[in-house]
Amino acid sequence: MSGLFAKLAETARLMVGLPSYDAYLRHMAEHHPERAPMDRTAFFRNRQDARYRGGGGRCC
């Protein structure tokens, strides 16, 4: 049941334009191991700024 809830929550976040923090951490580890990843709060603010202030949404 909790697996279903997690999938539904992830789907809801993606529907409103909030990418997964866990996916971001995986991306940073694979593609930018020399850089420290943002914490969850900074990540959320960064994604909100990119979405609503016209900034770029991707690093690569």
C-alpha atoms as a PDB file:
ATOM      1  CA  MET A   1       0.000   0.000   0.000  1.00  0.00           C
ATOM      2  CA  SER A   2       2.798   2.460   0.850  1.00  0.00           C
ATOM      3  CA  GLY A   3       4.420   1.707  -2.527  1.00  0.00           C
ATOM      4  CA  LEU A   4       1.212   2.700  -4.266  1.00  0.00           C
ATOM      5  CA  PHE A   5       1.003   5.897  -2.227  1.00  0.00           C
ATOM      6  CA  ALA A   6       4.622   6.764  -3.090  1.00  0.00           C
ATOM      7  CA  LYS A   7       3.942   6.284  -6.806  1.00  0.00           C
ATOM      8  CA  LEU A   8       0.772   8.393  -6.636  1.00  0.00           C
ATOM      9  CA  ALA A   9       2.626  11.147  -4.769  1.00  0.00           C
ATOM     10  CA  GLU A  10       5.448  11.105  -7.329  1.00  0.00           C
ATOM     11  CA  THR A  11       2.926  11.274 -10.182  1.00  0.00           C
ATOM     12  CA  ALA A  12       1.168  14.221  -8.553  1.00  0.00           C
ATOM     13  CA  ARG A  13       4.461  16.086  -8.117  1.00  0.00           C
ATOM     14  CA  LEU A  14       5.410  15.500 -11.743  1.00  0.00           C
ATOM     15  CA  MET A  15       1.984  16.676 -12.897  1.00  0.00           C
ATOM     16  CA  VAL A  16       2.539  20.048 -11.247  1.00  0.00           C
ATOM     17  CA  GLY A  17       6.128  20.321 -12.445  1.00  0.00           C
ATOM     18  CA  LEU A  18       8.097  19.241  -9.388  1.00  0.00           C
ATOM     19  CA  PRO A  19      10.793  16.784 -10.385  1.00  0.00           C
ATOM     20  CA  SER A  20      11.962  14.113  -7.993  1.00  0.00           C
ATOM     21  CA  TYR A  21      14.649  15.086  -5.492  1.00  0.00           C
ATOM     22  CA  ASP A  22      15.857  11.466  -5.459  1.00  0.00           C
ATOM     23  CA  ALA A  23      16.254  11.536  -9.260  1.00  0.00           C
ATOM     24  CA  TYR A  24      18.185  14.809  -8.910  1.00  0.00           C
ATOM     25  CA  LEU A  25      20.535  13.197  -6.368  1.00  0.00           C
ATOM     26  CA  ARG A  26      21.121  10.241  -8.711  1.00  0.00           C
ATOM     27  CA  HIS A  27      21.805  12.622 -11.610  1.00  0.00           C
ATOM     28  CA  MET A  28      24.295  14.645  -9.557  1.00  0.00           C
ATOM     29  CA  ALA A  29      26.121  11.502  -8.406  1.00  0.00           C
ATOM     30  CA  GLU A  30      26.375  10.152 -11.963  1.00  0.00           C
ATOM     31  CA  HIS A  31      27.082  13.326 -13.940  1.00  0.00           C
ATOM     32  CA  HIS A  32      28.528  15.843 -11.466  1.00  0.00           C
ATOM     33  CA  PRO A  33      30.287  13.894  -8.681  1.00  0.00           C
ATOM     34  CA  GLU A  34      32.640  16.808  -8.024  1.00  0.00           C
ATOM     35  CA  ARG A  35      29.766  19.130  -7.054  1.00  0.00           C
ATOM     36  CA  ALA A  36      27.798  19.029  -3.825  1.00  0.00           C
ATOM     37  CA  PRO A  37      24.053  18.594  -4.458  1.00  0.00           C
ATOM     38  CA  MET A  38      21.532  21.140  -3.192  1.00  0.00           C
ATOM     39  CA  ASP A  39      19.601  20.230  -0.084  1.00  0.00           C
ATOM     40  CA  ARG A  40      15.890  19.455  -0.495  1.00  0.00           C
ATOM     41  CA  THR A  41      14.759  23.008   0.341  1.00  0.00           C
ATOM     42  CA  ALA A  42      17.208  24.634  -2.076  1.00  0.00           C
ATOM     43  CA  PHE A  43      16.218  22.122  -4.767  1.00  0.00           C
ATOM     44  CA  PHE A  44      12.533  22.958  -4.323  1.00  0.00           C
ATOM     45  CA  ARG A  45      13.207  26.707  -4.534  1.00  0.00           C
ATOM     46  CA  ASN A  46      15.454  26.260  -7.553  1.00  0.00           C
ATOM     47  CA  ARG A  47      12.804  24.276  -9.432  1.00  0.00           C
ATOM     48  CA  GLN A  48      10.104  26.796  -8.528  1.00  0.00           C
ATOM     49  CA  ASP A  49      12.274  29.692  -9.728  1.00  0.00           C
ATOM     50  CA  ALA A  50      13.087  27.882 -12.968  1.00  0.00           C
ATOM     51  CA  ARG A  51       9.424  27.171 -13.600  1.00  0.00           C
ATOM     52  CA  TYR A  52       7.911  30.538 -12.738  1.00  0.00           C
ATOM     53  CA  ARG A  53      10.703  33.030 -13.400  1.00  0.00           C
ATOM     54  CA  GLY A  54      11.727  31.756 -16.801  1.00  0.00           C
ATOM     55  CA  GLY A  55      15.130  30.375 -15.788  1.00  0.00           C
ATOM     56  CA  GLY A  56      16.543  27.271 -17.410  1.00  0.00           C
ATOM     57  CA  GLY A  57      15.197  24.028 -16.054  1.00  0.00           C
ATOM     58  CA  ARG A  58      18.129  21.771 -16.862  1.00  0.00           C
ATOM     59  CA  CYS A  59      21.831  21.727 -16.230  1.00  0.00           C
ATOM     60  CA  CYS A  60      22.753  19.431 -19.129  1.00  0.00           C
END
